[in-house]
Amino acid sequence: MFYDDFNDEEWGPLDETLRRYEEVKKGESASILDEEEFERVIEYYFQNSNEEQALLACDIARTYYPFSASVLLLKAEIFTQAQKYGQALKTLDEMEQYDNKNLDAVLLRSDILLSQLKYDQAALWLEQKSEEYEGKEKTEILLELSDVYDESEEFDAVFDTLKRVIKIERRNEEALQKICFWAEFTERLEESIALHTQLTDDDPYNALAWFNLGAAYQGLKHYEKCIDSYEYCVAIDDKFEFAYRNMADAYMRLKWYEKALEVLEKHIEIAKPEDVIFEAMGYCWEKRKDFARARQFYRQASQLSPQDDGIFYKIGETYAREKQWEKAVKSYSVALHLDKENASYCMAIGNCLMEMDVKSEALVCYLNAVRLKPGNKTTWVALIRGLYLTGYYEEAIIQLAVAREHCGEKGDFFYYHAATLFEMGKAKEALLQLEKALRISPSRVKVFTELNPEFLLRNPVAELIGKYKKR
């Protein structure tokens, strides 16, 4: 039979009730349904999207129970679902004559006003009604009010309303979870610290309050304090995943990678495997210069997220740090295959090919990087450096002119121009370019000297650089 959705312990089998309702509807029954049975019939038609039959059942029920607030509430819900807001509000007005303290009716009226984009009216209604209730019912109204303020983009009011909820019910999970986000979003982290410090003083076993306190400290970059708060959180609830995750992040920002790894290991023990956790562990091992171990975790991350190009790039970076250029190229190439428009990946491949002495292919990679990001100085520098190192001096000069058109007069461009001109035997022009470079960006002189340390053996060059060092 149908009605399966209603064959549970609360409702019981509905077949018989519907059969009797049909008899009542046709006037064939001497007995009537009680009020709860009518509600079950209305709910059945409502849940099965039969608005017409649900409303008819409401009207028949009211002939027997004209003062039933619950039937009127169901009728208002049906009108609301059908977006007949005027009729829904009229029905709620009638209902309030019989029951003016019904929380569901309060919240439904707010939903209707929200649907009509009447944010101010919805907020005013809930503010007024919140004064008439106490305890959990009051907190429900205030939580609804916070959603109204969210919809109307009054974000500080959202934070203030959630504070009111927590003052009434300091372990309200929904309010505590939401206020953590809104404290950061509204930049009221100091206020959040004061609130949650008081909360943890009054209720030291409130794990969510400790977590929120940690998150607020973390937002202000007070990493050691945030770690202390997360430690309290996990001491109370050793399965609190996000506390371990955030604690690991704080340790990583402090560059305490061993501690971060301990926390991430704990996260793996209590939670399902996640790519971001394995990636973070890879990062920690990479920072500790254990590149083989870093790759192990990056690969685990890539298995869970095989389309994440960034992970393959990181694997390539570990190989590059070990000067395993061919393996690095393979990993970078996978990253580039997944994101063909990434200039950084092209440059990384180009750098490896230069190290492998496959210079012509490297230049193609640099040209691709420039094509993808013509406004980026780094891509131009990579190309021009490649041209310089391969001895294509005239082409380097041409590309420098194009680079300046796209990026403006950068100090690095003048240093490369000077070096290239020296290689071409144009010492006077080279010195002019070097002086411009030193004037614009004296701190970047290593760009020039590292290209060819023998430049410093030229007296005019050494004197010019010395002159700007004194300045």
Protein backbone atom coordinates (compact mmCIF):
# COMPACT_ATOMS: atom_id res chain seq x y z
CA MET A 1 0.00 0.00 0.00
CA PHE A 2 0.90 3.68 -0.15
CA TYR A 3 1.13 5.84 3.01
CA ASP A 4 4.46 4.12 3.79
CA ASP A 5 5.98 7.39 4.99
CA PHE A 6 3.45 7.47 7.79
CA ASN A 7 3.69 3.85 8.95
CA ASP A 8 5.94 4.66 11.88
CA GLU A 9 5.54 4.35 15.61
CA GLU A 10 4.30 7.92 16.06
CA TRP A 11 1.62 7.88 13.38
CA GLY A 12 0.71 4.22 13.10
CA PRO A 13 -0.86 2.79 9.93
CA LEU A 14 -2.78 5.48 8.06
CA ASP A 15 -4.88 3.32 5.74
CA GLU A 16 -7.80 2.97 8.13
CA THR A 17 -7.79 6.66 9.06
CA LEU A 18 -7.87 7.70 5.38
CA ARG A 19 -10.71 5.25 4.69
CA ARG A 20 -12.77 6.71 7.54
CA TYR A 21 -11.91 10.26 6.39
CA GLU A 22 -13.27 9.47 2.91
CA GLU A 23 -16.54 8.31 4.52
CA VAL A 24 -16.74 11.53 6.56
CA LYS A 25 -16.04 13.59 3.43
CA LYS A 26 -18.90 11.83 1.58
CA GLY A 27 -21.25 12.11 4.58
CA GLU A 28 -21.43 8.32 4.85
CA SER A 29 -20.08 7.96 8.40
CA ALA A 30 -21.96 8.28 11.64
CA SER A 31 -18.67 8.66 13.58
CA ILE A 32 -16.14 11.46 13.17
CA LEU A 33 -12.35 11.63 13.29
CA ASP A 34 -10.70 13.10 16.34
CA GLU A 35 -8.56 16.22 15.96
CA GLU A 36 -5.24 14.35 15.74
CA GLU A 37 -6.61 12.04 13.05
CA PHE A 38 -7.62 15.03 10.94
CA GLU A 39 -4.10 16.44 11.38
CA ARG A 40 -2.64 13.16 10.13
CA VAL A 41 -4.83 13.27 7.03
CA ILE A 42 -3.91 16.91 6.33
CA GLU A 43 -0.22 16.11 6.80
CA TYR A 44 -0.53 13.15 4.44
CA TYR A 45 -1.92 15.24 1.58
CA PHE A 46 0.49 18.10 2.35
CA GLN A 47 3.54 15.81 2.29
CA ASN A 48 2.35 14.31 -1.00
CA SER A 49 2.09 17.80 -2.58
CA ASN A 50 -1.69 17.60 -2.92
CA GLU A 51 -2.47 21.17 -1.88
CA GLU A 52 -6.13 21.07 -2.93
CA GLN A 53 -6.97 17.94 -0.91
CA ALA A 54 -4.93 19.17 2.09
CA LEU A 55 -6.91 22.45 2.19
CA LEU A 56 -10.18 20.58 1.78
CA ALA A 57 -9.23 18.37 4.75
CA CYS A 58 -8.50 21.53 6.77
CA ASP A 59 -11.94 22.94 5.98
CA ILE A 60 -13.72 19.68 6.85
CA ALA A 61 -11.73 19.43 10.11
CA ARG A 62 -12.76 22.97 11.05
CA THR A 63 -16.45 22.13 10.71
CA TYR A 64 -15.91 19.69 13.59
CA TYR A 65 -13.16 21.61 15.45
CA PRO A 66 -13.72 25.31 14.68
CA PHE A 67 -11.31 26.50 17.41
CA SER A 68 -8.40 24.18 16.49
CA ALA A 69 -5.19 26.21 16.39
CA SER A 70 -3.20 23.23 15.08
CA VAL A 71 -5.47 22.82 12.03
CA LEU A 72 -5.20 26.55 11.28
CA LEU A 73 -1.41 26.35 11.62
CA LEU A 74 -1.34 23.49 9.11
CA LYS A 75 -3.52 25.52 6.76
CA ALA A 76 -1.13 28.49 7.04
CA GLU A 77 1.81 26.19 6.27
CA ILE A 78 0.06 24.88 3.16
CA PHE A 79 -0.61 28.44 1.93
CA THR A 80 3.03 29.38 2.66
CA GLN A 81 4.34 26.39 0.71
CA ALA A 82 2.12 27.46 -2.20
CA GLN A 83 3.51 31.04 -1.92
CA LYS A 84 0.00 32.37 -1.10
CA TYR A 85 1.42 34.63 1.56
CA GLY A 86 -1.59 36.90 2.01
CA GLN A 87 -3.88 33.94 2.75
CA ALA A 88 -1.23 32.42 5.03
CA LEU A 89 -0.98 35.61 7.10
CA LYS A 90 -4.76 35.92 7.29
CA THR A 91 -4.95 32.32 8.56
CA LEU A 92 -2.28 33.04 11.19
CA ASP A 93 -4.23 36.12 12.33
CA GLU A 94 -7.28 33.91 12.83
CA MET A 95 -5.25 31.25 14.63
CA GLU A 96 -3.83 33.75 17.10
CA GLN A 97 -7.37 34.34 18.39
CA TYR A 98 -7.26 30.82 19.81
CA ASP A 99 -3.54 30.43 20.58
CA ASN A 100 -1.38 33.55 20.74
CA LYS A 101 1.63 31.80 22.31
CA ASN A 102 2.37 29.26 19.61
CA LEU A 103 6.09 29.27 18.78
CA ASP A 104 5.63 27.55 15.39
CA ALA A 105 3.20 30.29 14.36
CA VAL A 106 5.70 32.99 15.41
CA LEU A 107 8.45 31.41 13.31
CA LEU A 108 6.13 30.78 10.34
CA ARG A 109 5.06 34.44 10.24
CA SER A 110 8.73 35.41 10.22
CA ASP A 111 9.40 33.01 7.31
CA ILE A 112 6.52 34.52 5.34
CA LEU A 113 7.78 38.08 5.88
CA LEU A 114 11.25 36.96 4.83
CA SER A 115 9.84 35.39 1.67
CA GLN A 116 8.19 38.74 0.93
CA LEU A 117 11.60 40.43 1.46
CA LYS A 118 10.10 42.41 4.38
CA TYR A 119 13.25 42.13 6.48
CA ASP A 120 12.53 45.04 8.82
CA GLN A 121 9.04 43.75 9.59
CA ALA A 122 10.35 40.23 10.21
CA ALA A 123 13.06 41.53 12.57
CA LEU A 124 10.62 43.80 14.44
CA TRP A 125 8.13 40.93 14.79
CA LEU A 126 10.74 38.57 16.25
CA GLU A 127 12.20 41.24 18.53
CA GLN A 128 8.75 41.90 19.98
CA LYS A 129 7.90 38.21 20.34
CA SER A 130 11.24 37.38 21.97
CA GLU A 131 10.12 39.45 24.96
CA GLU A 132 7.13 37.16 25.49
CA TYR A 133 9.12 33.92 25.78
CA GLU A 134 11.73 32.45 28.10
CA GLY A 135 14.39 29.72 27.93
CA LYS A 136 14.68 27.48 24.88
CA GLU A 137 11.69 29.04 23.11
CA LYS A 138 13.27 32.49 23.43
CA THR A 139 16.56 31.18 22.03
CA GLU A 140 14.74 29.66 19.05
CA ILE A 141 13.21 33.04 18.24
CA LEU A 142 16.58 34.77 18.59
CA LEU A 143 18.27 32.21 16.33
CA GLU A 144 15.56 32.90 13.74
CA LEU A 145 16.21 36.62 14.24
CA SER A 146 19.93 36.11 13.57
CA ASP A 147 19.00 34.46 10.24
CA VAL A 148 16.79 37.45 9.38
CA TYR A 149 19.69 39.84 10.05
CA ASP A 150 21.91 37.60 7.90
CA GLU A 151 19.41 37.78 5.02
CA SER A 152 19.20 41.57 5.34
CA GLU A 153 23.02 41.81 5.51
CA GLU A 154 23.04 43.43 8.96
CA PHE A 155 26.03 41.37 9.96
CA ASP A 156 26.91 43.10 13.24
CA ALA A 157 23.32 42.51 14.35
CA VAL A 158 23.79 38.78 13.61
CA PHE A 159 26.78 38.70 15.98
CA ASP A 160 24.92 40.68 18.66
CA THR A 161 21.88 38.40 18.46
CA LEU A 162 23.99 35.25 18.78
CA LYS A 163 25.61 36.78 21.87
CA ARG A 164 22.12 37.18 23.35
CA VAL A 165 21.41 33.51 22.70
CA ILE A 166 24.63 32.41 24.42
CA LYS A 167 23.89 34.57 27.46
CA ILE A 168 20.59 32.72 27.85
CA GLU A 169 21.89 29.27 26.95
CA ARG A 170 25.66 29.10 27.16
CA ARG A 171 25.88 25.66 25.55
CA ASN A 172 23.61 26.37 22.62
CA GLU A 173 25.47 24.47 19.92
CA GLU A 174 23.99 26.31 16.94
CA ALA A 175 24.77 29.75 18.37
CA LEU A 176 28.31 28.77 19.38
CA GLN A 177 29.06 27.29 15.96
CA LYS A 178 27.72 30.36 14.14
CA ILE A 179 29.29 33.04 16.32
CA CYS A 180 32.76 31.63 15.61
CA PHE A 181 32.29 32.48 11.92
CA TRP A 182 30.62 35.85 12.51
CA ALA A 183 33.31 37.02 14.94
CA GLU A 184 35.86 36.77 12.15
CA PHE A 185 33.53 38.02 9.42
CA THR A 186 32.60 41.18 11.38
CA GLU A 187 36.19 41.63 12.64
CA ARG A 188 35.04 41.46 16.26
CA LEU A 189 37.63 38.96 17.39
CA GLU A 190 38.64 40.92 20.51
CA GLU A 191 35.00 40.94 21.57
CA SER A 192 34.77 37.22 20.86
CA ILE A 193 37.83 36.62 23.08
CA ALA A 194 36.20 38.53 25.95
CA LEU A 195 32.91 36.66 25.48
CA HIS A 196 34.45 33.20 25.33
CA THR A 197 36.95 33.88 28.11
CA GLN A 198 34.01 34.68 30.38
CA LEU A 199 32.19 31.63 29.08
CA THR A 200 35.08 29.27 29.79
CA ASP A 201 35.56 30.83 33.23
CA ASP A 202 31.90 30.15 34.06
CA ASP A 203 31.73 26.79 32.28
CA PRO A 204 35.26 25.30 32.02
CA TYR A 205 34.04 22.06 30.38
CA ASN A 206 32.44 23.80 27.41
CA ALA A 207 34.49 22.39 24.51
CA LEU A 208 32.87 24.60 21.83
CA ALA A 209 33.60 27.73 23.87
CA TRP A 210 37.28 26.73 24.12
CA PHE A 211 37.35 26.09 20.37
CA ASN A 212 35.83 29.51 19.63
CA LEU A 213 38.33 31.16 21.96
CA GLY A 214 41.14 29.42 20.07
CA ALA A 215 39.71 30.48 16.71
CA ALA A 216 39.51 34.13 17.85
CA TYR A 217 43.14 34.09 19.04
CA GLN A 218 44.12 32.42 15.77
CA GLY A 219 42.37 35.14 13.77
CA LEU A 220 44.51 37.71 15.60
CA LYS A 221 47.65 35.59 15.00
CA HIS A 222 48.16 34.89 18.70
CA TYR A 223 49.17 31.36 17.88
CA GLU A 224 50.51 30.18 21.23
CA LYS A 225 47.36 31.34 23.03
CA CYS A 226 45.16 29.69 20.42
CA ILE A 227 47.05 26.41 20.84
CA ASP A 228 46.42 26.54 24.61
CA SER A 229 42.68 26.97 23.98
CA TYR A 230 42.57 24.09 21.51
CA GLU A 231 44.44 21.91 24.03
CA TYR A 232 41.65 22.52 26.56
CA CYS A 233 39.08 21.78 23.85
CA VAL A 234 40.51 18.37 22.95
CA ALA A 235 41.10 17.53 26.62
CA ILE A 236 37.31 17.82 27.06
CA ASP A 237 36.41 16.26 23.70
CA ASP A 238 39.23 14.18 22.22
CA LYS A 239 37.23 13.66 19.00
CA PHE A 240 36.96 17.39 18.15
CA GLU A 241 38.35 17.24 14.59
CA PHE A 242 38.48 20.95 13.81
CA ALA A 243 40.40 21.70 16.99
CA TYR A 244 43.19 19.35 15.87
CA ARG A 245 43.11 20.81 12.37
CA ASN A 246 43.33 24.41 13.58
CA MET A 247 45.96 23.54 16.17
CA ALA A 248 48.13 21.98 13.47
CA ASP A 249 47.75 25.12 11.36
CA ALA A 250 48.89 27.25 14.32
CA TYR A 251 51.93 25.03 14.90
CA MET A 252 52.79 25.29 11.19
CA ARG A 253 52.60 29.08 11.30
CA LEU A 254 54.97 29.02 14.27
CA LYS A 255 57.19 26.68 12.18
CA TRP A 256 56.92 23.99 14.86
CA TYR A 257 56.55 21.28 12.27
CA GLU A 258 57.20 18.31 14.57
CA LYS A 259 54.36 19.41 16.87
CA ALA A 260 52.10 19.97 13.85
CA LEU A 261 52.80 16.44 12.64
CA GLU A 262 51.88 14.99 16.05
CA VAL A 263 48.52 16.78 15.95
CA LEU A 264 47.85 15.77 12.34
CA GLU A 265 48.60 12.14 13.23
CA LYS A 266 45.96 12.39 15.95
CA HIS A 267 43.50 13.84 13.43
CA ILE A 268 44.07 10.83 11.15
CA GLU A 269 43.32 8.48 14.06
CA ILE A 270 39.90 10.00 14.82
CA ALA A 271 38.64 11.17 11.42
CA LYS A 272 38.17 9.96 7.85
CA PRO A 273 41.23 10.42 5.59
CA GLU A 274 41.27 13.84 3.90
CA ASP A 275 43.50 15.21 1.19
CA VAL A 276 44.10 18.49 3.05
CA ILE A 277 45.42 16.63 6.10
CA PHE A 278 47.83 14.50 4.05
CA GLU A 279 48.88 17.61 2.14
CA ALA A 280 49.60 19.46 5.39
CA MET A 281 51.69 16.51 6.60
CA GLY A 282 53.60 16.54 3.32
CA TYR A 283 54.23 20.26 3.78
CA CYS A 284 55.62 19.70 7.30
CA TRP A 285 58.01 16.97 6.11
CA GLU A 286 59.07 19.16 3.19
CA LYS A 287 59.90 21.97 5.61
CA ARG A 288 61.94 19.48 7.64
CA LYS A 289 63.79 18.66 4.39
CA ASP A 290 62.66 15.04 4.42
CA PHE A 291 61.55 15.18 0.80
CA ALA A 292 60.92 11.45 0.37
CA ARG A 293 58.54 11.43 3.35
CA ALA A 294 56.89 14.61 2.06
CA ARG A 295 56.20 12.93 -1.29
CA GLN A 296 54.70 9.94 0.49
CA PHE A 297 52.02 12.14 2.05
CA TYR A 298 51.53 14.30 -1.04
CA ARG A 299 50.85 11.10 -3.01
CA GLN A 300 48.29 9.99 -0.44
CA ALA A 301 46.64 13.38 -0.87
CA SER A 302 46.67 13.00 -4.67
CA GLN A 303 44.96 9.61 -4.42
CA LEU A 304 42.06 11.25 -2.58
CA SER A 305 42.05 14.27 -4.88
CA PRO A 306 43.48 13.18 -8.25
CA GLN A 307 42.35 16.36 -10.03
CA ASP A 308 44.22 18.69 -7.66
CA ASP A 309 47.05 20.05 -9.80
CA GLY A 310 48.64 21.86 -6.86
CA ILE A 311 49.57 18.59 -5.15
CA PHE A 312 51.47 17.35 -8.21
CA TYR A 313 53.26 20.69 -8.38
CA LYS A 314 54.35 20.22 -4.76
CA ILE A 315 55.64 16.73 -5.55
CA GLY A 316 57.64 18.30 -8.38
CA GLU A 317 59.05 20.87 -5.98
CA THR A 318 60.39 18.13 -3.68
CA TYR A 319 62.18 16.50 -6.62
CA ALA A 320 63.57 19.87 -7.73
CA ARG A 321 64.94 20.47 -4.21
CA GLU A 322 66.82 17.17 -4.59
CA LYS A 323 67.94 18.13 -8.12
CA GLN A 324 66.08 15.13 -9.56
CA TRP A 325 65.16 17.17 -12.62
CA GLU A 326 63.59 14.45 -14.79
CA LYS A 327 61.25 13.30 -12.03
CA ALA A 328 60.42 16.91 -11.24
CA VAL A 329 59.49 17.53 -14.89
CA LYS A 330 57.13 14.52 -14.84
CA SER A 331 55.30 15.81 -11.77
CA TYR A 332 55.14 19.39 -13.04
CA SER A 333 53.82 18.05 -16.38
CA VAL A 334 50.95 16.26 -14.62
CA ALA A 335 50.11 19.54 -12.86
CA LEU A 336 50.19 21.40 -16.18
CA HIS A 337 48.01 18.75 -17.82
CA LEU A 338 45.39 19.38 -15.10
CA ASP A 339 45.69 23.17 -15.37
CA LYS A 340 46.89 24.09 -18.85
CA GLU A 341 46.65 27.83 -18.14
CA ASN A 342 49.09 27.91 -15.22
CA ALA A 343 52.18 30.00 -16.01
CA SER A 344 53.99 28.90 -12.84
CA TYR A 345 53.93 25.28 -13.99
CA CYS A 346 55.38 26.25 -17.39
CA MET A 347 58.18 28.16 -15.67
CA ALA A 348 58.92 25.26 -13.31
CA ILE A 349 59.26 22.86 -16.26
CA GLY A 350 61.43 25.41 -18.07
CA ASN A 351 63.74 25.74 -15.06
CA CYS A 352 64.21 21.95 -14.90
CA LEU A 353 64.90 21.72 -18.65
CA MET A 354 67.52 24.46 -18.31
CA GLU A 355 69.21 22.41 -15.58
CA MET A 356 69.03 19.35 -17.86
CA ASP A 357 70.64 21.42 -20.66
CA VAL A 358 67.58 21.09 -22.90
CA LYS A 359 67.61 24.83 -23.45
CA SER A 360 65.50 25.16 -26.61
CA GLU A 361 62.59 23.30 -24.99
CA ALA A 362 63.04 25.35 -21.84
CA LEU A 363 62.65 28.56 -23.86
CA VAL A 364 59.39 27.25 -25.33
CA CYS A 365 58.12 26.75 -21.77
CA TYR A 366 59.13 30.28 -20.79
CA LEU A 367 57.40 31.68 -23.89
CA ASN A 368 54.23 29.82 -22.90
CA ALA A 369 54.45 31.31 -19.40
CA VAL A 370 54.76 34.82 -20.86
CA ARG A 371 51.80 34.16 -23.18
CA LEU A 372 49.68 33.05 -20.22
CA LYS A 373 50.71 35.90 -17.91
CA PRO A 374 52.02 38.82 -19.96
CA GLY A 375 51.55 41.27 -17.10
CA ASN A 376 53.65 39.26 -14.67
CA LYS A 377 57.26 40.37 -14.19
CA THR A 378 58.40 36.92 -13.01
CA THR A 379 57.47 35.21 -16.28
CA TRP A 380 59.39 37.80 -18.31
CA VAL A 381 62.45 37.50 -16.07
CA ALA A 382 62.43 33.71 -16.56
CA LEU A 383 62.28 34.10 -20.35
CA ILE A 384 64.96 36.81 -20.52
CA ARG A 385 67.25 34.88 -18.17
CA GLY A 386 66.79 31.80 -20.37
CA LEU A 387 67.67 33.79 -23.49
CA TYR A 388 70.73 35.26 -21.73
CA LEU A 389 71.97 31.85 -20.55
CA THR A 390 71.54 30.34 -24.03
CA GLY A 391 73.41 33.21 -25.66
CA TYR A 392 70.44 34.70 -27.56
CA TYR A 393 71.50 38.22 -26.58
CA GLU A 394 69.81 40.16 -29.34
CA GLU A 395 66.51 38.32 -28.74
CA ALA A 396 66.88 39.06 -25.02
CA ILE A 397 67.13 42.81 -25.82
CA ILE A 398 63.98 42.59 -28.00
CA GLN A 399 62.05 40.74 -25.28
CA LEU A 400 63.18 43.26 -22.65
CA ALA A 401 61.54 46.02 -24.67
CA VAL A 402 58.30 44.01 -24.85
CA ALA A 403 58.51 43.21 -21.13
CA ARG A 404 58.72 46.92 -20.30
CA GLU A 405 55.61 47.58 -22.40
CA HIS A 406 53.67 45.05 -20.32
CA CYS A 407 55.16 45.57 -16.85
CA GLY A 408 56.78 49.02 -16.81
CA GLU A 409 60.34 49.98 -15.89
CA LYS A 410 61.41 47.32 -13.37
CA GLY A 411 64.88 47.27 -11.78
CA ASP A 412 65.43 43.62 -12.75
CA PHE A 413 64.90 44.46 -16.43
CA PHE A 414 67.69 47.04 -16.30
CA TYR A 415 70.06 44.55 -14.59
CA TYR A 416 69.39 41.94 -17.30
CA HIS A 417 69.75 44.61 -19.99
CA ALA A 418 73.13 45.65 -18.56
CA ALA A 419 74.39 42.05 -18.34
CA THR A 420 73.27 41.30 -21.89
CA LEU A 421 74.97 44.42 -23.27
CA PHE A 422 78.23 43.52 -21.50
CA GLU A 423 78.11 40.07 -23.12
CA MET A 424 77.58 41.78 -26.49
CA GLY A 425 80.67 43.96 -25.90
CA LYS A 426 78.67 47.17 -25.49
CA ALA A 427 80.25 48.27 -22.21
CA LYS A 428 79.26 51.98 -22.30
CA GLU A 429 75.58 51.23 -22.95
CA ALA A 430 75.75 48.47 -20.33
CA LEU A 431 77.00 50.88 -17.64
CA LEU A 432 74.14 53.27 -18.40
CA GLN A 433 71.63 50.44 -17.92
CA LEU A 434 73.40 49.32 -14.74
CA GLU A 435 73.21 52.81 -13.26
CA LYS A 436 69.48 52.99 -14.00
CA ALA A 437 69.04 49.62 -12.28
CA LEU A 438 71.02 50.75 -9.23
CA ARG A 439 69.03 53.96 -9.04
CA ILE A 440 65.66 52.13 -9.19
CA SER A 441 66.47 49.03 -7.16
CA PRO A 442 69.91 48.98 -5.49
CA SER A 443 68.98 46.06 -3.20
CA ARG A 444 68.51 43.79 -6.25
CA VAL A 445 72.11 44.08 -7.52
CA LYS A 446 72.63 40.32 -6.91
CA VAL A 447 70.43 39.70 -9.97
CA PHE A 448 73.25 41.22 -12.02
CA THR A 449 76.29 39.84 -10.21
CA GLU A 450 74.98 36.26 -10.06
CA LEU A 451 74.55 36.17 -13.85
CA ASN A 452 78.29 36.55 -14.23
CA PRO A 453 80.44 37.23 -11.13
CA GLU A 454 83.31 38.31 -13.44
CA PHE A 455 81.45 41.56 -14.09
CA LEU A 456 82.78 42.71 -10.70
CA LEU A 457 86.34 42.42 -12.01
CA ARG A 458 85.63 45.40 -14.29
CA ASN A 459 86.69 48.56 -12.46
CA PRO A 460 83.86 50.78 -13.78
CA VAL A 461 81.30 48.20 -12.64
CA ALA A 462 82.84 47.78 -9.16
CA GLU A 463 83.09 51.57 -8.73
CA LEU A 464 79.49 52.14 -9.80
CA ILE A 465 78.13 49.47 -7.47
CA GLY A 466 80.36 50.75 -4.63
CA LYS A 467 79.05 54.29 -5.16
CA TYR A 468 75.43 53.16 -4.69
CA LYS A 469 76.32 50.94 -1.72
CA LYS A 470 77.70 54.03 0.09
CA ARG A 471 74.45 55.85 -0.57
